[in-house]
Amino acid sequence: MNRDSLINSFKNEVKTSNQMTFPICVDSFTNLWQYEFGSLDGLPAEIDDIIAHRAVELGLMEMD
């Protein structure tokens, strides 16, 4: 799977996630990333930002 394609799919899935499906979405993405690329070491910082922003929007995390 192409790295950019995987990231774009994740972005689209996160947009439609809710409090229940968001953790599943993140787990699914990280599992697939690890499978495709061997580890999470090369995970772009953009992904961390997307996850944190959406978690705050859903009330699953508070901003400091």
Protein backbone atom coordinates (compact mmCIF):
# COMPACT_ATOMS: atom_id res chain seq x y z
CA MET A 1 0.00 0.00 0.00
CA ASN A 2 1.19 3.50 -0.80
CA ARG A 3 2.11 5.65 2.21
CA ASP A 4 0.17 8.71 0.96
CA SER A 5 -2.87 6.60 0.16
CA LEU A 6 -2.86 5.12 3.65
CA ILE A 7 -2.58 8.58 5.23
CA ASN A 8 -5.41 9.96 3.07
CA SER A 9 -7.65 7.01 3.91
CA PHE A 10 -6.95 7.56 7.60
CA LYS A 11 -7.77 11.27 7.35
CA ASN A 12 -11.11 10.48 5.70
CA GLU A 13 -11.98 7.78 8.23
CA VAL A 14 -11.11 10.01 11.19
CA LYS A 15 -13.37 12.79 9.90
CA THR A 16 -16.41 10.54 10.17
CA SER A 17 -15.44 8.86 13.43
CA ASN A 18 -17.27 9.35 16.70
CA GLN A 19 -16.33 8.71 20.34
CA MET A 20 -16.95 4.98 19.92
CA THR A 21 -15.29 4.45 16.53
CA PHE A 22 -12.32 6.81 16.89
CA PRO A 23 -10.15 4.44 19.00
CA ILE A 24 -10.92 1.60 16.60
CA CYS A 25 -9.97 3.80 13.65
CA VAL A 26 -6.63 4.73 15.25
CA ASP A 27 -5.88 1.11 16.20
CA SER A 28 -6.70 -0.08 12.71
CA PHE A 29 -4.49 2.55 11.12
CA THR A 30 -1.51 1.90 13.40
CA ASN A 31 -1.80 -1.87 12.92
CA LEU A 32 -1.87 -1.46 9.15
CA TRP A 33 1.04 1.01 9.25
CA GLN A 34 3.12 -1.42 11.30
CA TYR A 35 2.26 -4.24 8.93
CA GLU A 36 3.15 -2.23 5.82
CA PHE A 37 6.23 -0.38 7.10
CA GLY A 38 7.54 -2.56 9.94
CA SER A 39 7.14 -0.10 12.81
CA LEU A 40 5.62 3.19 13.91
CA ASP A 41 9.05 4.88 13.88
CA GLY A 42 8.43 6.49 10.48
CA LEU A 43 4.96 7.71 11.33
CA PRO A 44 4.63 11.34 10.15
CA ALA A 45 4.11 14.01 12.82
CA GLU A 46 1.00 15.00 10.85
CA ILE A 47 -0.68 11.80 12.07
CA ASP A 48 -0.05 12.68 15.72
CA ASP A 49 -1.58 16.10 15.07
CA ILE A 50 -4.64 14.60 13.37
CA ILE A 51 -5.20 12.13 16.20
CA ALA A 52 -4.79 14.75 18.93
CA HIS A 53 -7.02 17.31 17.19
CA ARG A 54 -9.84 14.82 16.61
CA ALA A 55 -9.57 13.43 20.15
CA VAL A 56 -10.03 16.96 21.51
CA GLU A 57 -13.00 17.57 19.16
CA LEU A 58 -14.65 14.38 20.40
CA GLY A 59 -14.02 15.25 24.05
CA LEU A 60 -11.73 12.27 24.53
CA MET A 61 -8.76 14.45 25.44
CA GLU A 62 -8.26 17.95 26.81
CA MET A 63 -5.85 20.58 25.48
CA ASP A 64 -3.17 21.69 27.92
